[in-house]
Amino acid sequence: MNYLFWNTNKNKDINTILKSIIIENNCDVVGLAEYEDNINELIKALYKDGYNFYKLDQMGCKRIQIITKFKPNQIKVRYDKDKYTIKTIPHKTHTEINVVFLHLQSKTNDEHDEGRNFELSQIKSNLEEIEQKYNNKKSIILGDFNMNPFERPMVSAGGIHSLNSSRETKKGERVVGGYNFSMFYNPMWNLFGDRLKPEGTYYYNKSQHVNYFWNIFDQVIIRPELIEYFDIEKLKIITGVSEMSLLNKNGKPNKKFSDHLPLFFNIS
């Protein structure tokens, strides 16, 4: 199954290129942050081209819009809050996968690791309750974390605890201070640097002593149970579709579309 996530930066005229991205990548599940175009018109446009998609109603989480090839009655709503929502979505191989869609607060509004660490720990705790209740640890978290994979709330045991090593993550959990902490694998580490283009999903040049320029705020992290089904070669940051580029002449995200680039991945 193919998944797409994109923060569309409140662009009210994004549907044309979004439709092309969905079709070209044969997406099954699409999560959108800061989406302000007409989602019903997007679904109609996809239908005219032979693709049936359905909108999932969001009760508590207004920061995310989701469309899927699955009818809404096939998807179970497990948890819904302002910044994230947890769904259980059908999958041909795994019967069902727990999917957390999130869009966390921007650093410009919250620079403190303590608050961000607490928020991620709450998300993880809610997901763990769902995994235990329904006996299904095949879970992923995707969205705009507004953090890089290496930041403390992303890697700390008391935060979301996502690691850059699939081998270590397959151990399932580790003990810190006498407590067991479950783990996630974060494949986004593989996309850092300039060996592959682009260098991230979000570019920001600030006049401060520490400046990463390129950031990977848009991420997917996965439970150990799904690692062998995650095709690392298909994980990509989308830079364009057909003849149209999402980058400007300087190789940065073209804000005509969005200041973020879309993220695509597959779970077989």
Protein backbone atom coordinates (compact mmCIF):
# COMPACT_ATOMS: atom_id res chain seq x y z
CA MET A 1 0.00 0.00 0.00
CA ASN A 2 1.19 3.45 -0.89
CA TYR A 3 1.02 6.35 1.54
CA LEU A 4 1.41 10.08 0.90
CA PHE A 5 1.72 12.96 3.33
CA TRP A 6 1.96 16.63 2.43
CA ASN A 7 1.78 19.89 4.36
CA THR A 8 0.26 22.10 1.65
CA ASN A 9 0.88 25.37 3.52
CA LYS A 10 -2.70 26.68 3.27
CA ASN A 11 -2.51 26.83 -0.53
CA LYS A 12 -6.06 27.31 -1.78
CA ASP A 13 -5.17 26.20 -5.31
CA ILE A 14 -3.27 22.95 -4.76
CA ASN A 15 -5.72 20.32 -6.06
CA THR A 16 -4.46 20.09 -9.64
CA ILE A 17 -0.91 19.13 -8.76
CA LEU A 18 -2.04 17.13 -5.73
CA LYS A 19 -4.29 15.03 -7.95
CA SER A 20 -1.37 14.38 -10.32
CA ILE A 21 0.90 13.33 -7.44
CA ILE A 22 -1.73 10.93 -6.08
CA ILE A 23 -2.32 9.33 -9.49
CA GLU A 24 1.33 9.15 -10.55
CA ASN A 25 2.31 7.45 -7.29
CA ASN A 26 -0.81 5.25 -7.12
CA CYS A 27 -1.53 6.38 -3.57
CA ASP A 28 -3.96 4.49 -1.35
CA VAL A 29 -3.87 6.68 1.76
CA VAL A 30 -3.28 10.44 1.70
CA GLY A 31 -2.77 12.65 4.75
CA LEU A 32 -2.75 16.43 4.34
CA ALA A 33 -1.78 19.16 6.79
CA GLU A 34 -2.67 22.84 6.40
CA TYR A 35 -4.95 21.88 3.54
CA GLU A 36 -7.36 24.68 2.59
CA ASP A 37 -8.42 23.77 -0.95
CA ASN A 38 -11.74 22.00 -1.60
CA ILE A 39 -11.31 18.34 -0.67
CA ASN A 40 -14.65 17.33 -2.22
CA GLU A 41 -13.56 18.83 -5.53
CA LEU A 42 -10.30 16.88 -5.28
CA ILE A 43 -12.24 13.65 -4.79
CA LYS A 44 -14.49 14.49 -7.76
CA ALA A 45 -11.46 15.20 -9.97
CA LEU A 46 -9.89 11.87 -9.00
CA TYR A 47 -13.17 10.08 -9.70
CA LYS A 48 -13.33 11.56 -13.21
CA ASP A 49 -9.93 9.97 -13.88
CA GLY A 50 -11.10 6.60 -12.59
CA TYR A 51 -9.87 6.74 -8.98
CA ASN A 52 -12.32 6.28 -6.11
CA PHE A 53 -11.33 8.11 -2.94
CA TYR A 54 -13.29 8.83 0.23
CA LYS A 55 -12.89 11.58 2.78
CA LEU A 56 -12.58 10.62 6.44
CA ASP A 57 -14.52 12.90 8.75
CA GLN A 58 -12.39 14.49 11.44
CA MET A 59 -14.04 15.27 14.75
CA GLY A 60 -11.27 16.47 17.06
CA CYS A 61 -8.30 16.72 14.70
CA LYS A 62 -8.93 19.63 12.35
CA ARG A 63 -5.24 20.03 11.46
CA ILE A 64 -5.28 16.91 9.24
CA GLN A 65 -7.41 15.92 6.25
CA ILE A 66 -7.39 12.29 5.10
CA ILE A 67 -8.64 10.65 1.93
CA THR A 68 -8.31 6.93 1.17
CA LYS A 69 -9.38 4.29 -1.31
CA PHE A 70 -11.17 2.60 1.58
CA LYS A 71 -14.73 3.47 2.42
CA PRO A 72 -15.11 5.26 5.78
CA ASN A 73 -16.99 2.32 7.30
CA GLN A 74 -13.90 0.14 6.72
CA ILE A 75 -11.73 2.41 8.86
CA LYS A 76 -11.85 2.47 12.65
CA VAL A 77 -11.36 5.72 14.54
CA ARG A 78 -9.33 4.89 17.63
CA TYR A 79 -8.42 8.34 18.95
CA ASP A 80 -8.97 11.90 17.82
CA LYS A 81 -7.35 15.01 19.26
CA ASP A 82 -6.54 18.48 17.93
CA LYS A 83 -3.00 17.73 16.69
CA TYR A 84 -3.29 14.04 15.84
CA THR A 85 -5.67 11.26 15.01
CA ILE A 86 -5.27 7.48 15.22
CA LYS A 87 -7.02 5.25 12.68
CA THR A 88 -6.94 1.53 12.05
CA ILE A 89 -6.84 1.04 8.29
CA PRO A 90 -7.25 -2.21 6.28
CA HIS A 91 -4.22 -3.74 4.62
CA LYS A 92 -4.11 -6.67 2.20
CA THR A 93 -1.10 -8.32 3.87
CA HIS A 94 -1.52 -7.36 7.50
CA THR A 95 -5.33 -7.22 7.79
CA GLU A 96 -5.08 -3.89 9.61
CA ILE A 97 -2.46 -1.23 10.41
CA ASN A 98 -2.70 1.44 13.10
CA VAL A 99 -1.88 4.80 11.55
CA VAL A 100 -1.24 7.98 13.51
CA PHE A 101 -1.55 11.15 11.42
CA LEU A 102 -0.13 14.22 13.12
CA HIS A 103 0.72 17.86 12.66
CA LEU A 104 2.55 19.16 15.71
CA GLN A 105 3.01 22.77 16.70
CA SER A 106 5.63 24.88 14.96
CA LYS A 107 8.86 25.62 16.79
CA THR A 108 8.16 29.32 16.42
CA ASN A 109 5.36 28.77 18.94
CA ASP A 110 7.13 26.24 21.15
CA GLU A 111 10.93 26.08 21.29
CA HIS A 112 11.10 23.94 24.43
CA ASP A 113 12.02 20.27 24.21
CA GLU A 114 10.19 19.54 27.47
CA GLY A 115 6.77 20.35 26.03
CA ARG A 116 7.43 18.59 22.76
CA ASN A 117 8.79 15.53 24.57
CA PHE A 118 5.66 15.39 26.74
CA GLU A 119 3.38 15.68 23.71
CA LEU A 120 5.12 12.83 21.88
CA SER A 121 5.08 10.68 25.02
CA GLN A 122 1.30 11.16 25.23
CA ILE A 123 0.83 10.20 21.59
CA LYS A 124 2.96 7.11 22.10
CA SER A 125 1.10 6.18 25.28
CA ASN A 126 -2.28 6.46 23.53
CA LEU A 127 -1.03 4.33 20.66
CA GLU A 128 0.34 1.69 23.04
CA GLU A 129 -3.06 1.42 24.73
CA ILE A 130 -4.67 0.81 21.35
CA GLU A 131 -2.01 -1.73 20.36
CA GLN A 132 -2.56 -3.67 23.58
CA LYS A 133 -6.36 -3.45 23.53
CA TYR A 134 -6.65 -4.77 19.96
CA ASN A 135 -3.55 -6.99 20.04
CA ASN A 136 -2.01 -5.31 17.01
CA LYS A 137 1.44 -3.68 17.13
CA LYS A 138 1.63 -3.09 13.39
CA SER A 139 1.66 0.68 13.67
CA ILE A 140 3.09 3.73 11.92
CA ILE A 141 3.18 7.43 12.75
CA LEU A 142 3.40 9.94 9.93
CA GLY A 143 3.06 13.65 9.49
CA ASP A 144 4.66 16.99 10.18
CA PHE A 145 6.54 16.59 13.47
CA ASN A 146 8.06 20.07 13.19
CA MET A 147 11.22 18.39 14.46
CA ASN A 148 14.18 16.71 12.81
CA PRO A 149 14.78 12.98 13.37
CA PHE A 150 17.83 13.70 15.54
CA GLU A 151 16.14 16.04 18.02
CA ARG A 152 15.81 14.89 21.62
CA PRO A 153 12.01 14.37 21.78
CA MET A 154 12.27 12.18 18.67
CA VAL A 155 15.02 9.90 19.99
CA SER A 156 14.62 9.96 23.78
CA ALA A 157 13.17 6.90 25.51
CA GLY A 158 10.67 9.13 27.29
CA GLY A 159 9.63 10.78 24.02
CA ILE A 160 8.65 8.93 20.88
CA HIS A 161 11.85 6.81 20.97
CA SER A 162 12.50 6.48 17.24
CA LEU A 163 15.90 5.12 16.22
CA ASN A 164 18.00 5.29 13.08
CA SER A 165 18.91 1.59 13.19
CA SER A 166 16.43 -1.04 12.06
CA ARG A 167 18.63 -3.71 13.64
CA GLU A 168 18.43 -2.11 17.08
CA THR A 169 14.73 -1.34 16.71
CA LYS A 170 13.93 -4.98 15.97
CA LYS A 171 14.81 -5.74 19.59
CA GLY A 172 11.40 -4.24 20.34
CA GLU A 173 12.22 -2.33 23.50
CA ARG A 174 15.02 -1.32 25.80
CA VAL A 175 15.28 -0.81 29.55
CA VAL A 176 16.20 2.60 30.94
CA GLY A 177 16.19 3.22 34.69
CA GLY A 178 14.30 0.00 35.28
CA TYR A 179 11.50 0.87 32.84
CA ASN A 180 10.76 -0.73 29.48
CA PHE A 181 10.43 1.62 26.52
CA SER A 182 9.09 0.40 23.18
CA MET A 183 10.78 1.65 20.02
CA PHE A 184 10.12 2.88 16.50
CA TYR A 185 12.38 2.73 13.48
CA ASN A 186 12.86 6.07 11.74
CA PRO A 187 13.87 5.50 8.10
CA MET A 188 14.03 9.24 7.42
CA TRP A 189 17.66 9.29 8.58
CA ASN A 190 18.49 7.68 5.23
CA LEU A 191 17.40 10.83 3.38
CA PHE A 192 19.66 13.29 5.20
CA GLY A 193 22.61 14.97 3.52
CA ASP A 194 23.24 15.87 -0.10
CA ARG A 195 24.07 12.48 -1.62
CA LEU A 196 20.42 12.30 -2.58
CA LYS A 197 18.36 15.30 -3.62
CA PRO A 198 16.61 17.10 -2.09
CA GLU A 199 18.36 17.41 1.26
CA GLY A 200 15.13 17.54 3.25
CA THR A 201 11.41 18.28 3.18
CA TYR A 202 11.58 21.86 4.48
CA TYR A 203 14.12 24.65 3.94
CA TYR A 204 14.58 27.48 6.41
CA ASN A 205 17.45 29.97 6.48
CA LYS A 206 17.59 31.82 9.77
CA SER A 207 20.23 34.24 11.06
CA GLN A 208 21.21 32.21 14.12
CA HIS A 209 24.36 30.43 15.22
CA VAL A 210 22.77 27.01 14.68
CA ASN A 211 21.14 26.76 11.27
CA TYR A 212 20.45 23.43 9.55
CA PHE A 213 19.02 25.09 6.41
CA TRP A 214 17.42 21.81 5.25
CA ASN A 215 15.17 19.98 7.71
CA ILE A 216 13.20 16.77 7.65
CA PHE A 217 10.09 17.73 9.59
CA ASP A 218 7.82 15.45 7.54
CA GLN A 219 8.46 11.89 8.65
CA VAL A 220 7.19 8.36 8.95
CA ILE A 221 8.26 6.10 11.82
CA ILE A 222 7.32 2.44 12.08
CA ARG A 223 7.09 -0.33 14.64
CA PRO A 224 9.57 -3.25 14.50
CA GLU A 225 6.75 -5.54 13.32
CA LEU A 226 6.60 -3.66 10.00
CA ILE A 227 10.28 -3.16 9.25
CA GLU A 228 10.61 -6.13 6.89
CA TYR A 229 7.59 -4.91 4.94
CA PHE A 230 8.85 -1.34 4.58
CA ASP A 231 10.57 -0.83 1.22
CA ILE A 232 13.36 1.63 1.94
CA GLU A 233 14.00 2.02 -1.79
CA LYS A 234 10.48 3.38 -2.30
CA LEU A 235 10.73 5.93 0.49
CA LYS A 236 11.11 9.32 -1.17
CA ILE A 237 10.65 13.04 -0.90
CA ILE A 238 8.65 14.03 -3.96
CA THR A 239 10.13 16.91 -5.95
CA GLY A 240 7.76 17.02 -8.88
CA VAL A 241 5.21 15.30 -11.02
CA SER A 242 5.17 14.79 -14.80
CA GLU A 243 6.71 17.94 -16.28
CA MET A 244 6.10 20.10 -13.20
CA SER A 245 8.71 20.66 -10.46
CA LEU A 246 7.89 21.45 -6.84
CA LEU A 247 11.29 23.16 -6.54
CA ASN A 248 12.26 26.68 -7.50
CA LYS A 249 15.30 27.55 -9.62
CA ASN A 250 17.51 27.37 -6.51
CA GLY A 251 16.45 23.81 -5.71
CA LYS A 252 14.33 24.84 -2.70
CA PRO A 253 10.61 24.12 -2.20
CA ASN A 254 8.64 26.39 -4.51
CA LYS A 255 6.28 28.31 -2.21
CA LYS A 256 3.92 28.68 -5.13
CA PHE A 257 2.90 25.16 -4.10
CA SER A 258 4.12 24.77 -0.51
CA ASP A 259 7.10 25.39 1.75
CA HIS A 260 7.09 21.63 2.44
CA LEU A 261 7.72 18.76 0.03
CA PRO A 262 5.49 15.66 -0.01
CA LEU A 263 6.58 12.37 1.57
CA PHE A 264 5.84 9.00 -0.07
CA PHE A 265 6.37 5.43 1.23
CA ASN A 266 5.11 1.90 0.76
CA ILE A 267 4.28 -0.94 3.13
CA SER A 268 3.95 -4.26 1.31
